[in-house]
Amino acid sequence: MRTELVAIVVAAAGALGCASATSLCTARNLAEGETQLGVGLKAPWPVAEVGIRRGLTDRIELGAQGGGFVSRPLTMVSALADVKAQLHRAATPNVGWDLALDPSVGYESFEATGAPIRSVNGGLALLVGHGIGNGHQVVLGPRMIESLLWDANSEPTWVPSWGASLAVAFAVSNRVQLIPECTVMYSPVTYNTKQGIPMAQCALGVLVGNGPGDAAQR
């Protein structure tokens, strides 16, 4: 039905307000027991988020974040939890390659002029980071997201998307990181005769706490 297709297209285009599209972290895990707090702002929808990251072990890092945007007539709410697994860790944070697998699950609610469109998302990102000196890191993040979308007027529909992100984590100090990140995604949604929707999101995050290089430098 046309109504269902419109809902899917609008939700897919707005889904990049979701937390799964960007990582806002490095490819280098926190050490066991270390914690970071974060804040972020995303565009084109100005979604503000807060989050926390915790090193469960030297190889496993847990993360959680939530946020939203409220105005007339647009309201968005998002939440996400992820588990980042370190596949490879450079000897120091300043040089070499870090590799991490970052699966996540999230929830979004997007309301414009009618009933809210809701989604549950499963995401998987491969974070490839390269140290460029002074604690800074460039991070490439190919990723895929599978979203289950629904509203009051349509049946739940699966919408896949895939793409990649590019970020630079600047070590402002030993305990503060500034991370600009941009993501480009594509979803093969069909609407009338049009096939596929390109999407983009940019974000700026600040992480405060133990840096992922702290343990390696001790």
Protein backbone atom coordinates (compact mmCIF):
# COMPACT_ATOMS: atom_id res chain seq x y z
CA MET A 1 0.00 0.00 0.00
CA ARG A 2 1.10 3.56 -0.71
CA THR A 3 0.67 4.58 2.93
CA GLU A 4 2.94 1.76 4.05
CA LEU A 5 5.56 2.62 1.44
CA VAL A 6 5.55 6.29 2.43
CA ALA A 7 6.00 5.28 6.07
CA ILE A 8 8.92 3.03 5.18
CA VAL A 9 10.63 5.68 3.05
CA VAL A 10 10.22 8.40 5.65
CA ALA A 11 11.45 6.12 8.42
CA ALA A 12 14.42 4.92 6.38
CA ALA A 13 15.42 8.49 5.55
CA GLY A 14 15.01 9.51 9.18
CA ALA A 15 16.60 6.37 10.61
CA LEU A 16 20.04 7.93 10.41
CA GLY A 17 19.10 9.84 13.49
CA CYS A 18 19.59 6.43 15.07
CA ALA A 19 22.63 5.60 17.12
CA SER A 20 23.61 2.58 15.00
CA ALA A 21 24.80 4.71 12.08
CA THR A 22 27.77 6.21 13.92
CA SER A 23 30.10 4.80 16.59
CA LEU A 24 31.69 7.93 18.15
CA CYS A 25 34.47 5.86 19.65
CA THR A 26 37.89 4.56 18.66
CA ALA A 27 38.83 1.10 17.44
CA ARG A 28 40.95 0.70 20.59
CA ASN A 29 39.10 -0.71 23.60
CA LEU A 30 39.22 0.63 27.11
CA ALA A 31 41.16 -1.53 29.57
CA GLU A 32 39.31 -3.58 32.18
CA GLY A 33 37.62 -1.35 34.74
CA GLU A 34 38.11 1.90 32.81
CA THR A 35 35.16 4.19 32.04
CA GLN A 36 34.33 6.97 29.59
CA LEU A 37 31.34 9.31 29.57
CA GLY A 38 30.28 10.87 26.29
CA VAL A 39 28.02 13.46 24.70
CA GLY A 40 27.25 13.80 21.00
CA LEU A 41 25.32 15.89 18.50
CA LYS A 42 24.17 14.51 15.14
CA ALA A 43 22.90 15.98 11.87
CA PRO A 44 20.88 16.41 9.66
CA TRP A 45 18.42 15.82 12.49
CA PRO A 46 19.91 17.65 15.50
CA VAL A 47 19.78 14.65 17.82
CA ALA A 48 21.64 15.10 21.12
CA GLU A 49 22.93 12.00 22.92
CA VAL A 50 24.63 11.02 26.17
CA GLY A 51 26.42 7.73 26.76
CA ILE A 52 28.78 5.65 28.83
CA ARG A 53 31.50 3.13 27.88
CA ARG A 54 33.09 0.61 30.24
CA GLY A 55 35.95 -1.85 29.81
CA LEU A 56 34.62 -5.23 30.93
CA THR A 57 37.92 -6.91 30.08
CA ASP A 58 40.91 -5.76 28.05
CA ARG A 59 39.21 -7.28 24.99
CA ILE A 60 35.52 -6.49 25.65
CA GLU A 61 34.02 -3.01 26.01
CA LEU A 62 30.35 -2.30 26.78
CA GLY A 63 28.53 0.85 25.66
CA ALA A 64 25.10 2.42 26.11
CA GLN A 65 23.68 5.71 24.88
CA GLY A 66 20.39 7.49 24.47
CA GLY A 67 19.10 10.78 23.17
CA GLY A 68 16.55 12.58 21.10
CA PHE A 69 15.23 15.73 19.52
CA VAL A 70 11.91 17.44 20.28
CA SER A 71 10.31 20.26 18.28
CA ARG A 72 7.21 20.99 16.25
CA PRO A 73 6.32 18.92 14.31
CA LEU A 74 9.29 16.55 14.66
CA THR A 75 10.11 14.33 17.63
CA MET A 76 12.82 11.67 17.70
CA VAL A 77 13.97 9.37 20.50
CA SER A 78 16.78 6.80 20.28
CA ALA A 79 18.61 4.33 22.51
CA LEU A 80 21.41 1.86 21.83
CA ALA A 81 23.58 -0.74 23.53
CA ASP A 82 26.73 -2.25 22.01
CA VAL A 83 29.50 -4.72 22.79
CA LYS A 84 32.87 -3.90 21.21
CA ALA A 85 35.26 -6.84 20.85
CA GLN A 86 38.95 -6.14 20.26
CA LEU A 87 40.26 -8.33 17.43
CA HIS A 88 43.71 -6.75 17.19
CA ARG A 89 45.45 -4.16 19.36
CA ALA A 90 48.53 -2.16 18.45
CA ALA A 91 51.43 -2.13 20.89
CA THR A 92 50.88 1.59 21.56
CA PRO A 93 47.99 3.99 20.82
CA ASN A 94 50.24 6.30 18.78
CA VAL A 95 51.17 3.99 15.91
CA GLY A 96 49.87 0.79 14.37
CA TRP A 97 46.48 -0.69 13.67
CA ASP A 98 43.57 -1.47 15.98
CA LEU A 99 40.67 -3.67 14.86
CA ALA A 100 37.34 -4.14 16.68
CA LEU A 101 33.98 -5.74 15.94
CA ASP A 102 31.06 -3.68 17.26
CA PRO A 103 27.60 -5.32 17.22
CA SER A 104 24.71 -3.22 18.56
CA VAL A 105 20.97 -3.19 19.12
CA GLY A 106 18.89 -0.02 19.18
CA TYR A 107 15.41 1.47 19.31
CA GLU A 108 14.09 4.61 17.58
CA SER A 109 10.82 6.51 17.51
CA PHE A 110 10.26 9.07 14.73
CA GLU A 111 7.14 11.27 14.72
CA ALA A 112 6.47 14.03 12.19
CA THR A 113 2.80 14.74 11.43
CA GLY A 114 0.98 11.56 12.34
CA ALA A 115 1.38 8.33 14.26
CA PRO A 116 4.97 7.69 15.36
CA ILE A 117 7.09 5.36 13.27
CA ARG A 118 9.09 3.02 15.47
CA SER A 119 12.03 0.77 14.72
CA VAL A 120 14.20 -1.83 16.36
CA ASN A 121 17.66 -2.04 14.80
CA GLY A 122 20.46 -4.54 14.81
CA GLY A 123 23.82 -3.22 13.64
CA LEU A 124 27.26 -4.63 13.00
CA ALA A 125 30.34 -2.45 12.43
CA LEU A 126 33.96 -3.34 11.85
CA LEU A 127 36.12 -0.54 13.27
CA VAL A 128 39.55 -0.20 11.68
CA GLY A 129 41.70 2.35 13.45
CA HIS A 130 45.19 3.66 12.70
CA GLY A 131 47.20 5.73 15.18
CA ILE A 132 48.61 8.93 13.70
CA GLY A 133 50.61 10.14 16.70
CA ASN A 134 49.94 12.11 19.88
CA GLY A 135 47.08 9.75 20.79
CA HIS A 136 45.02 10.60 17.67
CA GLN A 137 43.38 7.89 15.59
CA VAL A 138 41.65 7.69 12.20
CA VAL A 139 38.78 5.19 12.25
CA LEU A 140 37.07 3.60 9.24
CA GLY A 141 33.82 1.77 10.04
CA PRO A 142 32.10 -0.33 7.36
CA ARG A 143 28.72 -1.34 8.77
CA MET A 144 25.36 -2.90 8.11
CA ILE A 145 22.02 -2.24 9.84
CA GLU A 146 18.83 -4.28 9.76
CA SER A 147 15.75 -2.32 10.89
CA LEU A 148 12.27 -3.56 11.73
CA LEU A 149 9.90 -0.61 11.09
CA TRP A 150 6.26 -0.25 11.98
CA ASP A 151 3.49 2.26 12.76
CA ALA A 152 -0.21 2.11 13.58
CA ASN A 153 -1.21 1.96 9.88
CA SER A 154 1.21 -0.60 8.45
CA GLU A 155 2.60 -4.04 9.04
CA PRO A 156 6.13 -4.39 10.42
CA THR A 157 8.67 -4.27 7.59
CA TRP A 158 12.35 -5.20 7.48
CA VAL A 159 14.60 -2.55 5.93
CA PRO A 160 18.31 -3.32 5.45
CA SER A 161 21.01 -0.72 4.91
CA TRP A 162 24.78 -0.74 4.59
CA GLY A 163 27.63 1.72 4.21
CA ALA A 164 30.63 3.08 6.08
CA SER A 165 31.73 5.78 8.48
CA LEU A 166 34.92 7.82 8.74
CA ALA A 167 36.03 9.44 11.99
CA VAL A 168 39.07 11.08 13.51
CA ALA A 169 39.53 10.78 17.28
CA PHE A 170 41.57 13.74 18.51
CA ALA A 171 43.20 13.32 21.92
CA VAL A 172 42.61 16.79 23.36
CA SER A 173 44.21 15.63 26.62
CA ASN A 174 44.88 12.36 28.45
CA ARG A 175 41.23 12.25 29.50
CA VAL A 176 39.34 14.05 26.70
CA GLN A 177 38.76 12.97 23.09
CA LEU A 178 36.98 14.97 20.37
CA ILE A 179 35.51 12.78 17.60
CA PRO A 180 33.96 14.15 14.37
CA GLU A 181 32.40 11.36 12.29
CA CYS A 182 30.47 11.12 9.01
CA THR A 183 28.52 8.12 7.68
CA VAL A 184 27.11 7.33 4.24
CA MET A 185 24.52 4.53 3.98
CA TYR A 186 22.32 2.99 1.30
CA SER A 187 19.00 1.17 1.71
CA PRO A 188 17.44 -0.79 -1.19
CA VAL A 189 13.91 0.43 -0.37
CA THR A 190 11.50 0.57 -3.32
CA TYR A 191 9.05 3.47 -3.50
CA ASN A 192 6.84 3.71 -6.61
CA THR A 193 9.40 3.32 -9.42
CA LYS A 194 12.38 4.48 -7.40
CA GLN A 195 14.84 1.91 -6.12
CA GLY A 196 17.12 2.66 -3.20
CA ILE A 197 17.63 5.53 -0.78
CA PRO A 198 21.06 7.06 -0.05
CA MET A 199 21.43 8.48 3.45
CA ALA A 200 24.07 10.47 5.29
CA GLN A 201 24.75 11.48 8.87
CA CYS A 202 27.44 13.56 10.54
CA ALA A 203 28.15 13.64 14.26
CA LEU A 204 30.44 15.30 16.77
CA GLY A 205 31.22 13.53 20.03
CA VAL A 206 33.22 14.24 23.16
CA LEU A 207 34.48 11.41 25.38
CA VAL A 208 35.70 12.13 28.91
CA GLY A 209 37.47 9.62 31.16
CA ASN A 210 40.15 7.01 30.74
CA GLY A 211 41.54 7.15 27.22
CA PRO A 212 41.92 3.85 25.36
CA GLY A 213 45.66 4.35 25.37
CA ASP A 214 46.03 4.85 29.13
CA ALA A 215 46.58 1.20 30.00
CA ALA A 216 49.12 0.70 27.22
CA GLN A 217 51.12 3.72 28.39
CA ARG A 218 51.37 2.61 32.03
